[in-house]
Protein backbone atom coordinates (compact mmCIF):
# COMPACT_ATOMS: atom_id res chain seq x y z
CA MET A 1 0.10 -0.08 -0.19
CA THR A 2 1.67 3.12 -1.00
CA LEU A 3 0.65 5.91 1.60
CA PHE A 4 2.53 8.45 0.00
CA PRO A 5 1.56 8.82 -4.28
CA ASP A 6 3.91 10.21 -6.19
CA PRO A 7 3.73 14.01 -5.64
CA SER A 8 4.31 14.81 -8.93
CA ARG A 9 0.92 13.14 -9.89
CA THR A 10 -1.77 15.47 -10.82
CA ASP A 11 -5.62 14.39 -11.20
CA ALA A 12 -5.33 15.04 -15.12
CA THR A 13 -4.06 11.65 -15.28
CA THR A 14 -7.27 9.94 -14.21
CA ASP A 15 -9.82 12.95 -14.48
CA PRO A 16 -9.17 15.10 -17.73
CA ALA A 17 -11.82 17.48 -15.93
CA ALA A 18 -9.22 17.86 -13.26
CA ALA A 19 -6.72 19.59 -15.64
CA ASP A 20 -8.30 22.96 -16.10
CA GLY A 21 -11.85 24.82 -15.91
CA PRO A 22 -13.19 25.16 -12.53
CA GLY A 23 -11.73 22.15 -10.88
CA GLU A 24 -8.31 23.53 -11.54
CA ASP A 25 -9.37 27.50 -10.00
CA LEU A 26 -10.60 25.34 -6.71
CA ARG A 27 -7.08 23.72 -6.33
CA ARG A 28 -5.18 26.82 -6.76
CA THR A 29 -7.56 28.68 -4.47
CA LEU A 30 -6.73 25.95 -1.85
CA GLY A 31 -3.20 26.28 -2.78
CA VAL A 32 -2.63 21.97 -2.36
CA GLY A 33 -2.24 19.27 -5.05
CA ARG A 34 -3.84 15.74 -4.54
CA ARG A 35 -2.71 14.28 -1.43
CA ARG A 36 0.51 16.15 -1.46
CA PHE A 37 3.73 15.14 0.38
CA LEU A 38 4.19 16.04 3.75
CA SER A 39 8.08 16.84 3.65
CA THR A 40 7.67 18.59 6.68
CA CYS A 41 6.13 16.11 8.53
CA THR A 42 8.57 15.42 11.24
CA ALA A 43 8.61 19.35 12.18
CA VAL A 44 5.52 20.33 12.49
CA ALA A 45 5.21 17.29 14.44
CA ALA A 46 8.14 18.41 16.62
CA GLY A 47 6.64 22.11 16.94
CA ALA A 48 2.81 20.79 17.90
CA VAL A 49 3.56 18.06 20.37
CA ALA A 50 4.61 18.96 23.69
CA ALA A 51 6.04 15.40 24.53
CA PRO A 52 7.82 13.24 21.89
CA VAL A 53 6.72 9.55 21.17
CA PHE A 54 10.03 7.37 22.16
CA GLY A 55 10.80 4.20 21.10
CA VAL A 56 7.90 3.92 18.34
CA ALA A 57 8.83 2.44 15.12
CA PRO A 58 7.16 3.65 11.90
CA ALA A 59 4.65 1.64 10.67
CA LEU A 60 3.91 -0.18 13.54
CA ALA A 61 0.98 -1.78 12.19
CA HIS A 62 2.68 -3.54 9.41
CA GLY A 63 5.27 -5.29 12.00
CA ARG A 64 3.28 -7.38 14.02
CA GLY A 65 4.35 -10.97 13.73
CA ARG A 66 0.67 -12.66 14.52
CA ASP A 67 -0.55 -10.81 11.36
CA HIS A 68 2.39 -11.79 9.48
CA ASP A 69 1.17 -13.43 5.81
CA HIS A 70 3.01 -15.96 3.84
CA GLY A 71 0.28 -16.07 1.36
CA ASP A 72 -0.92 -19.59 1.88
CA GLY A 73 -3.76 -18.45 3.54
CA HIS A 74 -2.89 -19.26 7.17
CA GLY A 75 -1.92 -16.01 8.67
CA HIS A 76 -3.99 -14.16 10.87
CA GLY A 77 -6.64 -13.25 8.68
CA HIS A 78 -4.56 -12.36 5.76
CA GLY A 79 -4.70 -15.60 3.31
CA ARG A 80 -6.32 -15.68 -0.16
CA HIS A 81 -9.30 -17.17 2.03
CA ALA A 82 -9.97 -14.13 4.14
CA LEU A 83 -13.20 -12.26 3.55
CA VAL A 84 -11.88 -8.77 4.03
CA PRO A 85 -8.32 -8.72 3.31
CA ALA A 86 -5.85 -7.40 6.16
CA ASP A 87 -5.54 -3.77 4.42
CA LYS A 88 -8.79 -2.94 4.33
CA ARG A 89 -9.69 -3.65 8.03
CA GLY A 90 -10.89 0.11 9.30
CA ILE A 91 -12.82 1.32 12.47
CA ILE A 92 -14.45 4.75 12.18
CA LEU A 93 -13.30 6.60 15.37
CA TYR A 94 -17.05 7.48 16.55
CA THR A 95 -16.75 3.63 18.44
CA VAL A 96 -13.57 5.20 20.46
CA ARG A 97 -14.69 8.78 20.76
CA ASP A 98 -14.44 8.34 24.74
CA ALA A 99 -10.76 7.15 24.07
CA THR A 100 -10.02 10.41 21.99
CA ALA A 101 -11.94 12.22 24.41
CA ARG A 102 -10.39 11.46 27.32
CA ASP A 103 -8.03 13.50 29.36
CA PRO A 104 -4.44 12.38 29.17
CA LEU A 105 -3.48 14.03 32.71
CA ALA A 106 -5.94 12.24 34.38
CA SER A 107 -6.22 8.77 32.75
CA ASP A 108 -3.20 5.70 32.31
CA LEU A 109 -5.39 4.72 29.41
CA PRO A 110 -4.83 5.67 25.45
CA SER A 111 -6.17 9.31 25.29
CA GLY A 112 -6.16 11.43 22.31
CA PHE A 113 -5.91 10.75 18.68
CA ARG A 114 -1.98 9.65 19.13
CA GLU A 115 -2.66 7.22 21.38
CA VAL A 116 -5.87 6.01 20.51
CA PHE A 117 -4.28 5.52 16.83
CA LYS A 118 -1.04 3.62 18.67
CA GLN A 119 -3.61 1.43 20.06
CA LEU A 120 -5.68 0.61 17.24
CA ALA A 121 -2.64 -0.51 15.19
CA ARG A 122 -1.47 -2.87 17.75
CA HIS A 123 -5.05 -4.25 17.58
CA GLY A 124 -4.43 -4.71 13.97
CA TYR A 125 -6.26 -2.09 12.50
CA ARG A 126 -4.88 -0.57 9.05
CA GLN A 127 -7.81 2.22 8.38
CA VAL A 128 -9.42 4.84 10.51
CA GLU A 129 -12.41 6.90 9.32
CA PHE A 130 -13.08 10.02 11.15
CA ALA A 131 -16.18 11.54 12.82
CA GLY A 132 -14.25 15.20 12.76
CA TYR A 133 -11.25 16.25 14.33
CA ARG A 134 -11.68 17.25 18.35
CA GLN A 135 -9.93 15.62 20.72
CA HIS A 136 -9.25 16.27 24.65
CA ALA A 137 -7.53 20.06 25.18
CA ASN A 138 -4.34 18.31 27.10
CA ALA A 139 -3.82 15.87 24.22
CA PRO A 140 -0.70 16.43 21.84
CA GLY A 141 -1.78 19.27 19.28
CA GLY A 142 -4.91 20.55 21.71
CA ALA A 143 -8.57 20.22 21.37
CA ASP A 144 -9.37 21.36 17.80
CA LEU A 145 -7.25 19.76 15.05
CA GLU A 146 -9.85 20.78 12.38
CA SER A 147 -7.08 22.96 10.48
CA VAL A 148 -4.10 23.00 8.13
CA GLU A 149 -1.54 22.85 10.78
CA GLY A 150 -4.11 19.92 12.57
CA ALA A 151 -4.43 18.14 9.42
CA LYS A 152 -0.59 17.54 9.11
CA LEU A 153 -0.14 16.39 12.57
CA LEU A 154 -2.97 13.74 12.18
CA ARG A 155 -1.16 12.69 9.08
CA CYS A 156 2.31 12.21 10.73
CA TRP A 157 0.80 9.92 13.61
CA LEU A 158 -1.46 7.96 11.21
CA ASP A 159 1.97 7.42 9.33
CA ASP A 160 3.57 6.57 12.25
CA TYR A 161 1.71 3.58 13.18
CA GLY A 162 0.73 2.54 9.45
CA LEU A 163 -2.43 3.51 9.53
CA ARG A 164 -4.34 4.97 6.48
CA ALA A 165 -7.54 7.21 6.72
CA GLN A 166 -10.31 6.48 4.67
CA GLY A 167 -12.97 9.11 4.92
CA ASN A 168 -14.53 11.47 7.22
CA HIS A 169 -17.83 11.89 8.70
CA GLY A 170 -17.90 16.13 8.52
CA PHE A 171 -18.99 18.80 6.89
CA ILE A 172 -21.37 18.59 4.15
CA PRO A 173 -23.30 22.46 3.23
CA SER A 174 -27.05 22.31 4.73
CA SER A 175 -27.70 25.33 2.37
CA TRP A 176 -28.55 25.44 -1.05
CA PRO A 177 -27.71 27.48 -2.97
CA LEU A 178 -24.45 27.44 -1.21
CA THR A 179 -23.40 30.53 0.96
CA VAL A 180 -20.38 32.25 0.52
CA ALA A 181 -19.46 31.16 4.10
CA ASP A 182 -20.29 27.25 3.20
CA LYS A 183 -18.61 27.36 0.02
CA ASP A 184 -15.12 28.11 2.22
CA THR A 185 -15.71 25.76 4.72
CA PHE A 186 -16.16 23.29 2.39
CA LYS A 187 -13.21 24.15 0.26
CA LYS A 188 -11.20 23.70 4.08
CA HIS A 189 -12.22 20.35 4.32
CA LEU A 190 -11.21 19.37 0.82
CA GLU A 191 -7.75 20.84 1.61
CA ILE A 192 -7.85 18.71 5.14
CA ALA A 193 -8.71 15.62 2.89
CA ASN A 194 -5.74 16.22 0.65
CA ILE A 195 -3.07 16.31 3.40
CA LEU A 196 -4.62 13.22 5.33
CA GLY A 197 -5.08 11.54 1.84
CA LEU A 198 -8.19 10.95 2.02
CA ASP A 199 -10.11 8.85 -0.90
CA HIS A 200 -13.40 9.88 0.28
CA MET A 201 -15.18 12.98 2.09
CA GLY A 202 -18.58 12.73 3.72
CA THR A 203 -20.83 13.25 6.03
CA GLY A 204 -23.04 10.95 8.99
CA GLY A 205 -26.05 11.82 7.42
CA ASP A 206 -28.59 11.26 5.09
CA PRO A 207 -29.11 13.48 1.97
CA THR A 208 -32.51 14.49 3.46
CA GLY A 209 -34.83 12.98 5.98
CA SER A 210 -37.83 13.60 3.84
CA SER A 211 -39.94 10.81 1.97
CA TYR A 212 -41.37 13.02 -0.53
CA ARG A 213 -40.06 13.07 -3.94
CA ALA A 214 -39.53 16.97 -4.66
CA ASP A 215 -36.75 16.97 -1.96
CA TRP A 216 -34.84 14.00 -2.90
CA ASP A 217 -34.77 16.01 -6.52
CA VAL A 218 -33.45 18.82 -4.29
CA ALA A 219 -30.95 16.74 -2.56
CA ALA A 220 -29.70 14.95 -5.91
CA ASP A 221 -29.12 18.14 -7.49
CA LYS A 222 -27.12 19.35 -4.77
CA TRP A 223 -25.38 16.33 -3.92
CA ASN A 224 -24.26 16.37 -7.96
CA ALA A 225 -22.94 19.65 -7.59
CA LEU A 226 -20.88 18.68 -4.64
CA GLY A 227 -19.80 16.09 -5.39
CA ALA A 228 -18.38 17.41 -8.89
CA ILE A 229 -16.48 19.92 -6.92
CA ALA A 230 -14.82 17.24 -4.70
CA ARG A 231 -14.11 14.86 -7.71
CA ARG A 232 -11.82 17.17 -9.13
CA GLU A 233 -9.80 17.34 -5.86
CA GLY A 234 -9.94 13.40 -6.52
CA VAL A 235 -12.06 13.18 -3.18
CA LYS A 236 -14.91 10.63 -3.86
CA LEU A 237 -17.66 12.71 -1.75
CA TYR A 238 -20.21 10.05 0.35
CA THR A 239 -23.35 10.13 2.09
CA HIS A 240 -23.85 7.54 5.12
CA ASN A 241 -27.33 5.92 5.33
CA HIS A 242 -29.55 4.87 8.13
CA ASP A 243 -32.57 2.74 8.26
CA SER A 244 -34.99 5.69 6.69
CA ALA A 245 -33.13 6.20 3.72
CA TYR A 246 -34.33 2.88 2.66
CA GLY A 247 -37.91 3.62 3.08
CA PHE A 248 -40.29 3.56 0.51
CA LEU A 249 -40.72 7.12 -0.95
CA LEU A 250 -43.94 9.02 -1.62
CA ASP A 251 -44.60 9.73 -4.94
CA GLY A 252 -48.00 9.45 -6.02
CA GLY A 253 -51.74 8.87 -4.94
CA PRO A 254 -54.02 11.19 -3.12
CA LEU A 255 -52.71 14.73 -1.66
CA ASP A 256 -52.95 15.59 1.76
CA ASP A 257 -53.96 18.87 2.70
CA GLN A 258 -50.71 20.50 1.49
CA ASP A 259 -50.38 18.89 -1.93
CA ARG A 260 -47.97 15.89 -1.13
CA PRO A 261 -48.15 12.64 -2.46
CA THR A 262 -49.27 9.72 0.67
CA ARG A 263 -48.79 7.23 -1.38
CA SER A 264 -45.93 5.21 -2.91
CA SER A 265 -44.64 3.20 -6.37
CA GLY A 266 -42.49 0.73 -4.16
CA ILE A 267 -39.14 2.74 -4.90
CA ARG A 268 -37.18 3.09 -2.12
CA LYS A 269 -35.86 6.49 -1.63
CA LEU A 270 -31.98 5.96 -1.02
CA GLU A 271 -32.92 4.03 -5.15
CA TYR A 272 -34.46 6.90 -6.21
CA PHE A 273 -31.40 9.11 -4.99
CA LEU A 274 -28.95 6.31 -6.95
CA LYS A 275 -30.43 6.75 -9.98
CA ASN A 276 -30.44 10.56 -9.92
CA THR A 277 -26.94 11.16 -9.14
CA ASP A 278 -23.65 10.91 -11.18
CA PRO A 279 -22.05 7.93 -10.39
CA LYS A 280 -19.15 9.65 -11.00
CA SER A 281 -19.25 11.95 -8.91
CA VAL A 282 -21.86 10.75 -5.83
CA TRP A 283 -20.87 8.14 -3.32
CA LEU A 284 -22.33 6.05 -0.53
CA GLU A 285 -21.58 4.25 2.79
CA MET A 286 -24.23 1.58 3.66
CA ASP A 287 -24.33 1.15 7.74
CA ILE A 288 -25.33 -2.86 7.18
CA PHE A 289 -26.80 -2.90 10.72
CA TRP A 290 -29.29 0.16 9.94
CA ALA A 291 -29.83 -1.83 6.28
CA HIS A 292 -31.01 -4.52 8.40
CA VAL A 293 -33.15 -2.45 10.36
CA ALA A 294 -34.64 -1.08 7.28
CA GLN A 295 -35.61 -5.01 6.40
CA TYR A 296 -37.18 -5.12 9.48
CA LYS A 297 -38.89 -1.75 9.53
CA PHE A 298 -40.13 -1.40 5.61
CA HIS A 299 -41.40 -4.36 4.09
CA THR A 300 -44.82 -3.01 3.32
CA TYR A 301 -45.96 0.04 1.58
CA THR A 302 -49.47 1.46 -0.11
CA ALA A 303 -49.64 1.46 -3.33
CA HIS A 304 -51.12 4.36 -5.56
CA ASP A 305 -54.31 2.34 -5.95
CA GLY A 306 -54.68 2.19 -2.16
CA SER A 307 -53.43 -1.63 -1.97
CA THR A 308 -50.94 -2.57 0.66
CA ARG A 309 -48.08 -4.59 -1.19
CA LYS A 310 -45.07 -6.20 0.20
CA SER A 311 -41.66 -5.97 -0.86
CA VAL A 312 -38.55 -6.73 1.49
CA PHE A 313 -35.51 -4.85 1.53
CA ASP A 314 -32.35 -6.96 0.80
CA PRO A 315 -29.08 -5.32 1.88
CA ALA A 316 -26.48 -7.16 0.13
CA GLY A 317 -28.89 -6.82 -3.33
CA VAL A 318 -28.79 -3.18 -3.19
CA VAL A 319 -25.15 -3.34 -3.17
CA VAL A 320 -24.91 -5.70 -5.95
CA ARG A 321 -27.02 -3.64 -8.14
CA ASN A 322 -24.46 -0.63 -7.27
CA ASN A 323 -21.44 -1.99 -6.34
CA ARG A 324 -18.69 0.58 -6.92
CA ARG A 325 -21.07 2.96 -5.79
CA TYR A 326 -20.45 1.34 -2.43
CA PRO A 327 -16.60 2.07 -1.30
CA LEU A 328 -17.28 2.18 2.27
CA PHE A 329 -19.20 -0.20 4.56
CA HIS A 330 -20.28 0.65 8.38
CA ALA A 331 -19.56 -3.33 9.84
CA LYS A 332 -22.21 -2.96 12.95
CA ASP A 333 -23.17 -6.03 14.63
CA GLY A 334 -26.90 -6.58 16.28
CA VAL A 335 -28.74 -9.05 18.31
CA VAL A 336 -32.76 -9.64 17.98
CA SER A 337 -34.42 -7.31 19.88
CA THR A 338 -38.42 -7.72 19.64
CA THR A 339 -38.65 -4.44 22.08
CA ASN A 340 -36.84 -1.69 20.96
CA GLY A 341 -38.96 -1.32 17.22
CA MET A 342 -35.84 -1.80 14.84
CA GLY A 343 -35.45 -5.21 15.34
CA TYR A 344 -31.83 -5.58 16.89
CA ASP A 345 -29.80 -3.98 19.62
CA MET A 346 -25.97 -3.24 18.62
CA VAL A 347 -23.24 -5.33 20.05
CA PRO A 348 -19.79 -5.47 19.38
CA PHE A 349 -18.83 -6.74 15.73
CA GLY A 350 -19.26 -10.57 15.30
CA THR A 351 -21.17 -11.32 18.51
CA GLY A 352 -24.12 -10.55 16.77
CA VAL A 353 -26.54 -12.64 14.53
CA ILE A 354 -26.00 -10.17 11.20
CA ASP A 355 -24.66 -12.62 8.57
CA TYR A 356 -21.49 -10.99 7.48
CA THR A 357 -19.94 -14.12 6.02
CA THR A 358 -22.97 -14.09 3.66
CA PHE A 359 -23.14 -10.24 3.35
CA PHE A 360 -19.35 -9.98 2.17
CA SER A 361 -19.93 -13.32 0.00
CA ARG A 362 -22.40 -11.85 -2.00
CA VAL A 363 -21.44 -7.99 -2.77
CA GLY A 364 -17.64 -9.85 -3.67
CA GLN A 365 -15.07 -7.12 -4.77
CA ARG A 366 -12.98 -7.45 -1.43
CA ASN A 367 -10.25 -5.58 -2.81
CA TYR A 368 -12.59 -2.72 -3.48
CA HIS A 369 -14.56 -2.04 -0.40
CA ASN A 370 -13.42 -0.98 2.92
CA PRO A 371 -16.12 -2.22 5.99
CA MET A 372 -15.45 0.32 9.41
CA ILE A 373 -15.90 -1.46 12.70
CA GLU A 374 -18.39 0.53 14.60
CA ASP A 375 -20.36 0.22 17.40
CA ASP A 376 -22.28 3.41 18.90
CA ASN A 377 -22.92 1.95 22.28
CA SER A 378 -18.60 0.93 23.39
CA PRO A 379 -18.10 3.93 25.10
CA SER A 380 -19.02 2.77 28.88
CA ALA A 381 -19.91 5.44 31.80
CA THR A 382 -18.32 2.71 34.05
CA ASP A 383 -15.87 0.87 32.19
CA PRO A 384 -13.62 3.62 30.35
CA ALA A 385 -11.36 0.70 28.81
CA GLN A 386 -14.87 -0.89 27.10
CA SER A 387 -14.44 0.72 23.97
CA LEU A 388 -11.26 0.17 22.84
CA ARG A 389 -10.80 -3.86 24.61
CA GLU A 390 -14.23 -4.29 22.18
CA ALA A 391 -12.33 -2.85 19.42
CA LYS A 392 -10.06 -5.61 20.02
CA ILE A 393 -12.74 -8.00 19.64
CA SER A 394 -14.54 -6.83 16.66
CA TYR A 395 -10.92 -6.63 15.03
CA ASP A 396 -10.25 -10.38 15.27
CA ASN A 397 -13.82 -11.31 14.45
CA LEU A 398 -13.50 -9.07 11.28
CA ALA A 399 -10.04 -10.99 10.38
CA ALA A 400 -11.38 -14.17 10.97
CA LEU A 401 -14.21 -14.05 8.63
CA ARG A 402 -13.60 -16.47 5.55
CA LYS A 403 -15.08 -17.35 2.43
CA ARG A 404 -17.05 -20.41 2.45
CA ARG A 405 -15.31 -23.10 0.89
CA ARG A 406 -17.24 -24.79 -2.28
């Protein structure tokens, strides 16, 4: 895996649109090239970190004996039978948000981004997904790393521990058309993405919370425009989806008192969004847990003629039909619940009932998809070590997934 691409490379090699026009203007405005080489990394770290990291070898995650693979399928999850290759195993940092937010002066546990990266690398992870760039104020670098200098510091720590950042749940403008302030903030986040080497930049929310086709049309226009800007910078703009996005679109039948449709053709909201967005500019991250919640919740709809019709959602099926649109997954597990209205309660990956062996086998393209472990409930008010401990359990279970022998 090449963490630093050739610094002389420009996006014109893969996207002619990046060579001139608005995309080049944006690049010049930002003052960066795609994933520019951070030659001043060491100097930045020395200036921003109060205490240096002693005794840490670069690319720590790549030197673990227990993960060594000889290509015979008998390594720790690295062989040809592993459903998720070692370099594709990631975690969204929201899962360990208590650890990044912990005061290092008040705890011996890993605290702040740098120490959390170190621990995740020891667990075996090779990838992380950010959920913003804030940490405890006493951690190296200070509280807010959502800046050019903060991004350089984060990139240094990622490289030190052999980790690659794949995405961020961050800023997507809510206004449309864009305000000047939102446009400037969006540009800043693209610059941060370039520094961190992110292939993807996105949000933790659905394109719209509406059920009406007109609102999804507006969302599609907005994401097409934003995605085109990001694409010219070599970044894939993605939306992360919850259960409601897989509900049924209201697109016909009698109108309500506000002249809005009340019935459905059976098209699911996110499938409509997929159809009306540019596959070269707009991408998605399926949260596999929430997709299974959608399967539980949204299995009938009222058709335009008033009849009730059945349509069971197939999470893997929608990926198979749009496979290259889903570069990222959230790998989150659950146990059956009949009391919470969702059908599942979240648990650490591999300790629930969601059939990930079948899911990953069906979607295939294991060297393309990037599954990120997530567990919303890992942080504990009474057990401060829980989230990182469960991150290890989840990693081991993800690494243990194997293709079924025929």
